[in-house]
């Protein structure tokens, strides 16, 4: 494929006409075959807008599946590690799903739209695998990624923006709930979800409504500091929130070139999402054995000494024994701390939490300097404001 053909293969989202006009840096990344703005103006300005105002982020490239039918719950319980039957209509649940060896294929959000209807949002494409898993069940699986445009509205003034937009009663929407509303642009679904760990919402509409939704939100948010944000600022917010990300903090099992690179829910700190009481599901036998014998790794939050982000750095016990690796890192302006998410070889990070060090290489005017920094295991989320859960949120 020529370079020109490769460029043409990348698609614009339904919001591209608006995002491209505002992206002053012209920094774009690829997300599931679509262009995604990485930075509109300055990463720092966009990050502070997330924490102090309201922000818009185009999340349309997210993969979206509709799973419906009389056996929808049974089918999803066969796929997911959690008990889907416990997810009530109108609620959203975080979920992971594994291969037969108990290694995580992906994580995502599961919306229960009705008794027998669900929407699954994921980072990776899983249509063939979902169809294979649905054999024998009275259920349909449809890829609706192109049929649904999605926009994240995040930040402490986001609820006020939606009220100004005209969504009556939006302040009563609880965290991890979704509801359909009638608005000036027509019907849309709003969920109180997001990847920032802050007060925020995600809006789901038909592609032909996308530009009108953007324009109306910008107009409604003019007095509330509404700002478009790219994926780099979003990544900083999700690290503060302690959220893990496929391709950054773990490798999806289907993409791992070595079997040992896959990670189980227990190794990712997601054991709470494994329900052995519900019956059989993909990877159950392997996960039962792992529960008995113990996991190989653990995923932890770290407070790293100093102010130099330790992204990709190795971790040591006693300055010399290599015990793990940092997968995500940042200097947090809000927490005033050097934060990291890391994978360590057990028992390090679990029972052995003292005398941990990392090796950071700092570029100082084309001269690399090595810095050894002490690390402290700390709980996640690093940033967890009360407004994230308050219902109704405080008015601004």
Protein backbone atom coordinates (compact mmCIF):
# COMPACT_ATOMS: atom_id res chain seq x y z
CA UNK A 1 0.00 0.00 0.00
CA UNK A 2 1.37 3.42 -0.94
CA UNK A 3 1.68 6.23 1.61
CA UNK A 4 -1.18 8.10 -0.07
CA UNK A 5 -3.41 5.00 0.09
CA UNK A 6 -2.54 4.51 3.76
CA UNK A 7 -3.50 8.10 4.54
CA UNK A 8 -6.80 7.73 2.69
CA UNK A 9 -7.59 4.60 4.70
CA UNK A 10 -7.85 6.62 7.92
CA UNK A 11 -11.39 7.88 8.43
CA UNK A 12 -12.75 11.05 9.94
CA UNK A 13 -15.34 10.73 12.71
CA UNK A 14 -18.79 12.38 12.47
CA UNK A 15 -17.27 15.28 14.49
CA UNK A 16 -14.23 15.69 12.23
CA UNK A 17 -15.43 18.90 10.56
CA UNK A 18 -15.53 20.54 14.01
CA UNK A 19 -12.44 18.98 15.56
CA UNK A 20 -10.21 19.61 12.52
CA UNK A 21 -11.16 23.29 12.48
CA UNK A 22 -10.11 23.64 16.13
CA UNK A 23 -6.94 21.53 16.10
CA UNK A 24 -4.32 24.28 15.87
CA UNK A 25 -1.36 21.94 16.45
CA UNK A 26 -2.37 19.58 13.62
CA UNK A 27 -1.29 16.68 15.84
CA UNK A 28 -3.39 13.64 15.02
CA UNK A 29 -3.24 10.01 16.06
CA UNK A 30 -4.95 6.85 14.85
CA UNK A 31 -7.67 5.23 16.89
CA UNK A 32 -9.42 2.14 15.51
CA UNK A 33 -8.99 3.37 11.93
CA UNK A 34 -10.10 6.94 12.65
CA UNK A 35 -8.21 10.18 13.13
CA UNK A 36 -8.15 11.44 16.70
CA UNK A 37 -6.86 14.84 17.78
CA UNK A 38 -3.94 14.44 20.19
CA UNK A 39 -3.58 18.11 21.12
CA UNK A 40 -5.73 21.08 20.09
CA UNK A 41 -3.65 23.91 21.60
CA UNK A 42 -1.56 22.97 24.66
CA UNK A 43 -1.70 19.72 26.65
CA UNK A 44 -1.43 21.62 29.93
CA UNK A 45 -4.32 23.96 29.12
CA UNK A 46 -6.51 21.06 28.09
CA UNK A 47 -5.64 19.09 31.22
CA UNK A 48 -6.52 22.01 33.51
CA UNK A 49 -9.80 22.47 31.62
CA UNK A 50 -10.72 18.87 32.52
CA UNK A 51 -10.11 19.55 36.20
CA UNK A 52 -11.56 23.07 36.39
CA UNK A 53 -14.20 23.61 33.70
CA UNK A 54 -15.90 21.50 31.00
CA UNK A 55 -14.31 19.70 28.08
CA UNK A 56 -15.37 17.95 24.88
CA UNK A 57 -13.54 14.87 23.61
CA UNK A 58 -14.53 12.94 20.50
CA UNK A 59 -14.74 9.27 21.50
CA UNK A 60 -16.56 8.08 18.37
CA UNK A 61 -13.73 5.68 17.37
CA UNK A 62 -14.60 3.51 20.37
CA UNK A 63 -15.81 0.10 19.18
CA UNK A 64 -19.51 -0.38 19.95
CA UNK A 65 -21.51 -3.61 19.76
CA UNK A 66 -25.24 -4.22 20.23
CA UNK A 67 -25.95 -7.62 21.79
CA UNK A 68 -29.66 -8.44 22.00
CA UNK A 69 -32.02 -11.38 22.23
CA UNK A 70 -33.71 -13.64 24.75
CA UNK A 71 -30.35 -15.27 25.59
CA UNK A 72 -28.41 -11.99 25.82
CA UNK A 73 -27.75 -12.32 29.56
CA UNK A 74 -26.77 -15.99 29.30
CA UNK A 75 -24.48 -15.28 26.34
CA UNK A 76 -22.75 -12.34 28.04
CA UNK A 77 -22.36 -14.34 31.24
CA UNK A 78 -20.55 -16.95 29.14
CA UNK A 79 -18.22 -14.21 27.81
CA UNK A 80 -17.70 -11.83 30.76
CA UNK A 81 -16.04 -12.63 34.08
CA UNK A 82 -18.63 -10.64 36.06
CA UNK A 83 -22.27 -11.62 36.61
CA UNK A 84 -24.13 -9.64 33.96
CA UNK A 85 -27.50 -10.60 35.46
CA UNK A 86 -26.76 -8.28 38.38
CA UNK A 87 -26.52 -5.26 36.05
CA UNK A 88 -29.95 -3.61 36.08
CA UNK A 89 -31.51 -1.93 33.01
CA UNK A 90 -30.38 1.68 32.84
CA UNK A 91 -27.00 0.89 34.43
CA UNK A 92 -23.45 0.75 33.06
CA UNK A 93 -20.86 -1.74 34.30
CA UNK A 94 -17.11 -2.04 33.89
CA UNK A 95 -16.22 -5.47 32.53
CA UNK A 96 -13.35 -7.62 31.32
CA UNK A 97 -13.40 -10.76 29.20
CA UNK A 98 -10.77 -13.46 28.85
CA UNK A 99 -9.54 -16.19 26.56
CA UNK A 100 -9.55 -19.84 27.60
CA UNK A 101 -6.27 -19.38 29.48
CA UNK A 102 -7.79 -16.68 31.69
CA UNK A 103 -5.86 -13.84 30.05
CA UNK A 104 -7.68 -10.56 29.42
CA UNK A 105 -8.71 -9.96 25.83
CA UNK A 106 -9.99 -6.47 26.59
CA UNK A 107 -11.86 -4.32 29.07
CA UNK A 108 -14.74 -1.96 28.45
CA UNK A 109 -18.14 -0.72 29.51
CA UNK A 110 -21.36 -2.69 29.27
CA UNK A 111 -24.65 -0.76 29.00
CA UNK A 112 -27.84 -2.62 29.83
CA UNK A 113 -30.37 -0.97 27.54
CA UNK A 114 -33.25 -3.27 28.46
CA UNK A 115 -33.98 -6.74 29.81
CA UNK A 116 -32.54 -8.41 26.71
CA UNK A 117 -30.49 -5.65 25.08
CA UNK A 118 -26.93 -4.46 25.76
CA UNK A 119 -24.31 -2.15 24.29
CA UNK A 120 -20.68 -3.17 24.72
CA UNK A 121 -17.96 -0.54 24.24
CA UNK A 122 -14.38 -1.72 23.80
CA UNK A 123 -10.93 -0.61 22.69
CA UNK A 124 -10.24 -3.55 20.38
CA UNK A 125 -12.34 -5.17 17.65
CA UNK A 126 -13.96 -8.45 18.72
CA UNK A 127 -16.81 -9.09 16.27
CA UNK A 128 -15.64 -12.51 15.06
CA UNK A 129 -14.87 -13.65 18.59
CA UNK A 130 -18.24 -12.41 19.88
CA UNK A 131 -20.06 -14.15 17.03
CA UNK A 132 -18.24 -17.41 17.76
CA UNK A 133 -19.04 -17.06 21.46
CA UNK A 134 -22.74 -16.44 20.65
CA UNK A 135 -23.22 -19.73 18.78
CA UNK A 136 -26.06 -21.74 20.26
CA UNK A 137 -27.65 -18.71 21.92
CA UNK A 138 -30.77 -16.88 20.76
CA UNK A 139 -28.91 -13.59 20.41
CA UNK A 140 -27.79 -11.17 17.73
CA UNK A 141 -24.43 -9.37 17.71
CA UNK A 142 -24.05 -6.22 15.60
CA UNK A 143 -21.10 -3.89 15.17
CA UNK A 144 -22.63 -0.42 15.56
CA UNK A 145 -19.38 1.54 15.67
CA UNK A 146 -20.24 3.55 12.57
CA UNK A 147 -23.91 3.96 13.52
CA UNK A 148 -23.23 5.74 16.82
CA UNK A 149 -21.30 8.97 17.34
CA UNK A 150 -20.03 9.56 20.87
CA UNK A 151 -18.81 12.62 22.72
CA UNK A 152 -17.35 12.85 26.22
CA UNK A 153 -18.31 15.94 28.22
CA UNK A 154 -16.10 15.96 31.33
CA UNK A 155 -15.23 18.37 34.12
CA UNK A 156 -16.78 20.08 37.17
CA UNK A 157 -19.06 22.34 35.10
CA UNK A 158 -20.24 19.58 32.74
CA UNK A 159 -23.61 19.16 34.45
CA UNK A 160 -24.28 22.90 34.20
CA UNK A 161 -23.51 22.74 30.49
CA UNK A 162 -26.06 19.95 29.99
CA UNK A 163 -28.65 21.89 31.96
CA UNK A 164 -28.04 24.93 29.73
CA UNK A 165 -28.27 22.56 26.74
CA UNK A 166 -31.81 21.78 27.87
CA UNK A 167 -31.66 18.32 29.44
CA UNK A 168 -34.22 18.63 32.22
CA UNK A 169 -33.42 16.50 35.27
CA UNK A 170 -29.90 15.62 34.13
CA UNK A 171 -28.60 16.52 37.61
CA UNK A 172 -30.42 13.45 38.99
CA UNK A 173 -28.56 11.01 36.74
CA UNK A 174 -26.41 8.84 39.01
CA UNK A 175 -22.85 7.62 38.33
CA UNK A 176 -22.76 4.60 36.01
CA UNK A 177 -26.35 5.17 34.89
CA UNK A 178 -27.67 6.05 31.45
CA UNK A 179 -30.91 7.55 30.19
CA UNK A 180 -32.47 8.72 26.94
CA UNK A 181 -33.47 12.38 26.59
CA UNK A 182 -35.29 14.55 24.08
CA UNK A 183 -33.33 17.65 23.19
CA UNK A 184 -33.11 20.45 20.64
CA UNK A 185 -31.20 18.10 18.32
CA UNK A 186 -33.56 15.14 18.86
CA UNK A 187 -33.23 11.98 20.93
CA UNK A 188 -29.91 11.09 22.51
CA UNK A 189 -28.60 8.79 25.21
CA UNK A 190 -26.53 10.23 28.07
CA UNK A 191 -24.46 8.15 30.47
CA UNK A 192 -22.71 9.39 33.59
CA UNK A 193 -19.45 7.75 32.66
CA UNK A 194 -16.02 8.82 31.49
CA UNK A 195 -12.27 8.19 31.52
CA UNK A 196 -11.20 11.18 33.63
CA UNK A 197 -12.19 10.15 37.16
CA UNK A 198 -14.09 13.42 37.46
CA UNK A 199 -17.67 14.58 37.13
CA UNK A 200 -18.57 13.82 33.55
CA UNK A 201 -20.92 12.39 30.97
CA UNK A 202 -20.82 10.61 27.63
CA UNK A 203 -23.37 11.43 24.93
CA UNK A 204 -24.45 8.93 22.28
CA UNK A 205 -26.20 10.06 19.08
CA UNK A 206 -26.71 9.15 15.44
CA UNK A 207 -23.89 10.38 13.15
CA UNK A 208 -26.17 12.87 11.40
CA UNK A 209 -26.77 14.59 14.78
CA UNK A 210 -23.09 14.91 15.62
CA UNK A 211 -22.30 18.40 14.34
CA UNK A 212 -25.50 19.87 15.77
CA UNK A 213 -24.68 18.29 19.14
CA UNK A 214 -21.18 19.78 19.12
CA UNK A 215 -22.42 23.24 18.14
CA UNK A 216 -25.18 23.31 20.75
CA UNK A 217 -22.86 22.13 23.53
CA UNK A 218 -20.27 24.77 22.63
CA UNK A 219 -22.99 27.40 22.73
CA UNK A 220 -24.39 26.11 26.04
CA UNK A 221 -20.92 25.88 27.57
CA UNK A 222 -19.64 29.30 26.56
CA UNK A 223 -20.03 30.66 30.10
CA UNK A 224 -18.61 27.49 31.64
CA UNK A 225 -15.20 27.43 29.97
CA UNK A 226 -15.96 24.59 27.60
CA UNK A 227 -12.82 23.45 25.77
CA UNK A 228 -12.02 20.67 23.27
CA UNK A 229 -9.37 18.24 24.55
CA UNK A 230 -7.23 15.68 22.80
CA UNK A 231 -6.07 12.22 23.72
CA UNK A 232 -2.87 13.36 25.48
CA UNK A 233 -4.71 15.44 28.08
CA UNK A 234 -7.25 12.63 28.46
CA UNK A 235 -4.40 10.21 29.16
CA UNK A 236 -3.10 12.41 31.98
CA UNK A 237 -6.56 12.52 33.57
CA UNK A 238 -7.05 8.75 33.34
CA UNK A 239 -3.67 8.11 35.04
CA UNK A 240 -4.70 10.39 37.94
CA UNK A 241 -7.94 8.42 38.10
CA UNK A 242 -5.92 5.20 38.30
CA UNK A 243 -7.58 3.70 35.21
CA UNK A 244 -5.65 1.14 33.18
CA UNK A 245 -5.62 1.12 29.39
CA UNK A 246 -5.26 -1.66 26.84
CA UNK A 247 -1.98 -1.33 24.95
CA UNK A 248 -0.44 0.79 27.69
CA UNK A 249 -0.80 -1.04 31.01
CA UNK A 250 -1.40 -4.50 29.57
CA UNK A 251 -1.29 -6.26 26.23
CA UNK A 252 -4.56 -7.73 24.95
CA UNK A 253 -4.17 -11.52 24.98
CA UNK A 254 -5.00 -11.78 21.26
CA UNK A 255 -2.09 -9.46 20.42
CA UNK A 256 0.52 -10.90 22.79
CA UNK A 257 3.34 -12.44 20.76
CA UNK A 258 4.49 -14.42 23.80
CA UNK A 259 2.03 -16.31 25.97
CA UNK A 260 3.73 -15.00 29.11
CA UNK A 261 2.89 -11.41 28.15
CA UNK A 262 -0.85 -11.87 28.74
CA UNK A 263 -2.36 -10.75 32.04
CA UNK A 264 -5.24 -12.15 34.04
CA UNK A 265 -7.85 -10.04 35.87
CA UNK A 266 -6.10 -10.90 39.16
CA UNK A 267 -2.78 -9.63 37.78
CA UNK A 268 -4.45 -6.36 36.76
CA UNK A 269 -6.06 -5.79 40.15
CA UNK A 270 -9.50 -6.65 38.77
CA UNK A 271 -10.28 -9.71 40.87
CA UNK A 272 -13.48 -8.00 42.04
CA UNK A 273 -14.85 -8.47 38.52
CA UNK A 274 -14.47 -12.26 38.62
CA UNK A 275 -17.61 -14.05 39.81
CA UNK A 276 -17.09 -17.79 40.14
CA UNK A 277 -20.59 -18.35 41.56
CA UNK A 278 -22.46 -17.53 38.34
CA UNK A 279 -21.43 -20.67 36.46
CA UNK A 280 -19.05 -21.32 33.59
CA UNK A 281 -17.43 -18.52 31.58
CA UNK A 282 -14.40 -18.17 29.31
CA UNK A 283 -11.22 -18.72 31.31
CA UNK A 284 -13.00 -19.88 34.48
CA UNK A 285 -10.94 -23.04 35.01
CA UNK A 286 -7.66 -21.22 34.51
CA UNK A 287 -8.71 -18.41 36.86
CA UNK A 288 -9.79 -20.91 39.55
CA UNK A 289 -6.37 -22.51 39.35
CA UNK A 290 -4.70 -19.11 39.51
CA UNK A 291 -6.77 -18.21 42.56
CA UNK A 292 -5.50 -21.38 44.25
CA UNK A 293 -1.85 -21.12 43.21
CA UNK A 294 -1.49 -17.33 43.18
CA UNK A 295 -0.96 -14.82 40.38
CA UNK A 296 2.42 -14.12 38.85
CA UNK A 297 2.14 -10.32 38.89
CA UNK A 298 0.35 -7.49 40.61
CA UNK A 299 -0.55 -4.03 39.33
CA UNK A 300 -0.04 -1.15 41.76
CA UNK A 301 -0.06 2.62 42.05
CA UNK A 302 3.21 4.32 42.90
CA UNK A 303 4.29 7.65 44.33
CA UNK A 304 7.73 8.26 42.83
CA UNK A 305 10.20 10.64 44.48
CA UNK A 306 11.05 13.79 42.54
CA UNK A 307 9.19 15.34 39.64
CA UNK A 308 10.52 13.47 36.59
CA UNK A 309 7.88 11.13 35.11
CA UNK A 310 9.13 7.55 35.10
CA UNK A 311 7.28 6.28 32.01
CA UNK A 312 8.65 2.92 30.87
CA UNK A 313 11.20 2.75 33.68
CA UNK A 314 12.29 -0.48 35.33
CA UNK A 315 11.65 -1.12 39.01
CA UNK A 316 14.16 -2.55 41.46
CA UNK A 317 14.14 -3.88 44.99
CA UNK A 318 17.11 -2.68 46.98
CA UNK A 319 18.43 -0.77 43.96
CA UNK A 320 19.67 -3.94 42.23
CA UNK A 321 17.05 -6.70 41.86
CA UNK A 322 14.78 -6.05 38.89
CA UNK A 323 11.16 -6.66 39.94
CA UNK A 324 8.90 -4.89 37.47
CA UNK A 325 8.18 -2.05 35.10
CA UNK A 326 6.26 1.21 35.12
CA UNK A 327 3.59 1.25 32.40
CA UNK A 328 2.04 4.72 32.83
CA UNK A 329 3.48 7.79 34.54
CA UNK A 330 3.02 11.53 34.95
CA UNK A 331 3.74 14.50 37.17
CA UNK A 332 0.31 15.39 38.55
CA UNK A 333 -0.37 19.13 38.86
CA UNK A 334 -3.51 18.39 40.89
CA UNK A 335 -2.05 15.83 43.30
CA UNK A 336 1.37 17.58 43.36
CA UNK A 337 2.97 14.16 43.07
CA UNK A 338 4.95 12.02 40.64
CA UNK A 339 2.46 9.24 39.87
CA UNK A 340 2.86 5.89 38.16
CA UNK A 341 1.02 2.66 37.43
CA UNK A 342 3.29 -0.37 37.46
CA UNK A 343 3.37 -4.14 37.09
CA UNK A 344 5.55 -6.01 39.57
CA UNK A 345 6.48 -9.64 39.93
CA UNK A 346 4.85 -11.01 43.09
CA UNK A 347 5.48 -10.85 46.03
CA UNK A 348 6.91 -7.41 45.19
CA UNK A 349 4.21 -4.77 45.29
CA UNK A 350 1.96 -7.06 47.33
CA UNK A 351 3.73 -8.16 50.53
CA UNK A 352 7.10 -6.60 49.72
CA UNK A 353 6.36 -2.88 49.36
CA UNK A 354 9.44 -1.26 50.94
CA UNK A 355 12.79 -0.38 49.40
CA UNK A 356 11.47 -0.09 45.84
CA UNK A 357 13.41 2.07 43.39
CA UNK A 358 13.14 3.10 39.77
CA UNK A 359 15.73 4.22 37.28
CA UNK A 360 14.77 7.35 35.33
CA UNK A 361 16.77 8.74 32.40
CA UNK A 362 16.48 12.51 32.06
CA UNK A 363 17.48 14.40 28.90
CA UNK A 364 19.26 17.61 29.92
CA UNK A 365 20.28 19.54 26.81
CA UNK A 366 21.12 16.39 24.81
CA UNK A 367 22.93 14.82 27.78
CA UNK A 368 21.23 11.88 29.45
CA UNK A 369 21.44 11.63 33.20
CA UNK A 370 20.39 8.62 35.24
CA UNK A 371 18.35 9.25 38.38
CA UNK A 372 17.49 6.61 40.96
CA UNK A 373 14.20 7.49 42.68
CA UNK A 374 12.51 5.80 45.62
CA UNK A 375 8.96 4.51 45.02
CA UNK A 376 6.12 4.09 47.48
CA UNK A 377 3.13 1.83 46.82
CA UNK A 378 -0.05 3.88 47.21
CA UNK A 379 -3.75 3.11 46.59
CA UNK A 380 -5.56 4.04 43.41
CA UNK A 381 -7.33 6.22 42.37
CA UNK A 382 -4.76 8.91 42.98
CA UNK A 383 -7.40 11.62 42.40
CA UNK A 384 -10.97 10.94 43.53
CA UNK A 385 -13.01 14.15 44.03
CA UNK A 386 -16.41 13.92 45.80
CA UNK A 387 -18.07 15.65 42.82
CA UNK A 388 -17.43 12.50 40.82
CA UNK A 389 -20.22 10.76 42.76
CA UNK A 390 -22.35 13.66 44.07
CA UNK A 391 -26.01 13.50 42.96
CA UNK A 392 -27.02 16.14 42.20
CA UNK A 393 -23.61 17.70 41.49
CA UNK A 394 -22.84 21.07 43.03
CA UNK A 395 -23.93 23.96 40.81
CA UNK A 396 -21.27 26.27 39.40
